[in-house]
Amino acid sequence: MRRYHGVEIVGPSGDSESELPLGEFYLVHTTHITKGWERYRLSTQPPRKNMSGEGCPDGWCGSTNDVSVHGRGAVKVAKDARGRVRIRPILLSELTDAEETAEDAS
């Protein structure tokens, strides 16, 4: 298991970043308030608020049994020129450009 700026980095099989899926995902941040641990995971769906069930891609979703969930936005997982896997935020301008392109096509 690797740590990056105090955050555990774990691939699907437990430790291989080369096995991370490529594409666009939501970053979900889960913390245990009393035990002090935190986890990040990639999801194809935005996290849901614990009371309304509404999708919450960015912001606090709620807490249950001392476990708090936050949406941390949309991210893109891609390989760089050297073949290393990189996770970067998807910028609002990229979403706007994609939406305009889809509207122009219809």
Protein backbone atom coordinates (compact mmCIF):
# COMPACT_ATOMS: atom_id res chain seq x y z
CA MET A 1 0.00 0.00 0.00
CA ARG A 2 1.33 3.44 -0.93
CA ARG A 3 0.72 6.81 0.70
CA TYR A 4 0.62 10.13 -1.13
CA HIS A 5 0.41 13.30 0.98
CA GLY A 6 -0.99 11.18 3.82
CA VAL A 7 -3.64 9.47 1.66
CA GLU A 8 -3.59 5.72 1.04
CA ILE A 9 -3.45 4.87 -2.66
CA VAL A 10 -5.06 1.51 -3.35
CA GLY A 11 -5.82 -0.06 -6.73
CA PRO A 12 -8.62 -2.57 -7.38
CA SER A 13 -6.41 -5.55 -6.47
CA GLY A 14 -5.04 -3.82 -3.41
CA ASP A 15 -1.85 -2.17 -4.54
CA SER A 16 -1.43 -1.74 -8.30
CA GLU A 17 -2.08 1.70 -9.75
CA SER A 18 -1.66 0.26 -13.26
CA GLU A 19 -4.95 -1.58 -12.76
CA LEU A 20 -6.95 1.59 -12.11
CA PRO A 21 -9.80 1.89 -14.61
CA LEU A 22 -9.39 4.66 -17.18
CA GLY A 23 -12.17 7.14 -17.89
CA GLU A 24 -14.32 9.68 -16.07
CA PHE A 25 -15.49 9.09 -12.51
CA TYR A 26 -16.72 10.78 -9.36
CA LEU A 27 -14.31 11.01 -6.45
CA VAL A 28 -15.94 9.98 -3.16
CA HIS A 29 -14.29 10.82 0.17
CA THR A 30 -15.37 8.82 3.23
CA THR A 31 -14.14 9.52 6.78
CA HIS A 32 -14.80 7.90 10.14
CA ILE A 33 -15.21 10.83 12.48
CA THR A 34 -14.27 9.09 15.75
CA LYS A 35 -11.72 6.52 14.51
CA GLY A 36 -9.93 9.04 12.31
CA TRP A 37 -9.58 7.04 9.08
CA GLU A 38 -10.35 8.31 5.62
CA ARG A 39 -10.77 6.66 2.22
CA TYR A 40 -11.11 7.86 -1.36
CA ARG A 41 -12.78 5.81 -4.07
CA LEU A 42 -13.78 6.22 -7.69
CA SER A 43 -17.42 5.73 -8.63
CA THR A 44 -19.35 5.81 -11.90
CA GLN A 45 -22.27 7.40 -10.01
CA PRO A 46 -22.18 10.50 -7.78
CA PRO A 47 -22.50 9.77 -4.07
CA ARG A 48 -26.03 10.13 -2.67
CA LYS A 49 -27.19 12.29 0.20
CA ASN A 50 -28.12 10.03 3.10
CA MET A 51 -31.55 11.61 3.76
CA SER A 52 -32.94 12.56 0.34
CA GLY A 53 -31.04 10.06 -1.83
CA GLU A 54 -30.27 12.94 -4.20
CA GLY A 55 -26.98 12.75 -6.12
CA CYS A 56 -24.28 14.99 -4.67
CA PRO A 57 -21.17 15.11 -6.88
CA ASP A 58 -19.55 17.91 -4.88
CA GLY A 59 -20.18 18.56 -1.18
CA TRP A 60 -21.28 16.90 2.04
CA CYS A 61 -23.68 13.97 1.60
CA GLY A 62 -24.30 13.26 5.28
CA SER A 63 -23.10 11.17 8.20
CA THR A 64 -24.34 7.84 9.56
CA ASN A 65 -22.82 5.96 12.51
CA ASP A 66 -19.84 8.38 12.62
CA VAL A 67 -19.05 7.83 8.92
CA SER A 68 -19.17 11.00 6.83
CA VAL A 69 -19.37 11.01 3.02
CA HIS A 70 -18.37 13.88 0.71
CA GLY A 71 -18.47 14.16 -3.06
CA ARG A 72 -15.18 15.66 -4.29
CA GLY A 73 -16.18 16.33 -7.89
CA ALA A 74 -15.63 14.65 -11.23
CA VAL A 75 -12.19 13.33 -12.15
CA LYS A 76 -10.54 11.85 -15.22
CA VAL A 77 -8.23 8.84 -14.91
CA ALA A 78 -5.80 8.64 -17.84
CA LYS A 79 -2.28 7.54 -18.68
CA ASP A 80 0.32 10.20 -19.37
CA ALA A 81 2.98 10.06 -22.10
CA ARG A 82 5.18 7.83 -19.91
CA GLY A 83 2.35 5.37 -19.25
CA ARG A 84 1.78 6.48 -15.64
CA VAL A 85 -1.79 6.68 -14.41
CA ARG A 86 -2.89 10.21 -13.47
CA ILE A 87 -6.07 11.36 -11.75
CA ARG A 88 -7.02 14.97 -12.41
CA PRO A 89 -10.13 17.07 -11.82
CA ILE A 90 -12.49 17.62 -14.72
CA LEU A 91 -12.77 21.37 -15.14
CA LEU A 92 -16.12 23.12 -15.50
CA SER A 93 -14.96 24.48 -18.88
CA GLU A 94 -14.43 20.90 -20.11
CA LEU A 95 -17.98 19.96 -19.10
CA THR A 96 -19.37 23.07 -20.79
CA ASP A 97 -17.43 22.32 -24.00
CA ALA A 98 -18.68 18.71 -24.02
CA GLU A 99 -22.29 19.82 -23.52
CA GLU A 100 -22.05 22.40 -26.34
CA THR A 101 -20.53 19.78 -28.67
CA ALA A 102 -23.38 17.36 -27.88
CA GLU A 103 -25.98 20.09 -28.52
CA ASP A 104 -24.35 21.01 -31.86
CA ALA A 105 -24.46 17.36 -32.96
CA SER A 106 -28.23 17.11 -32.42
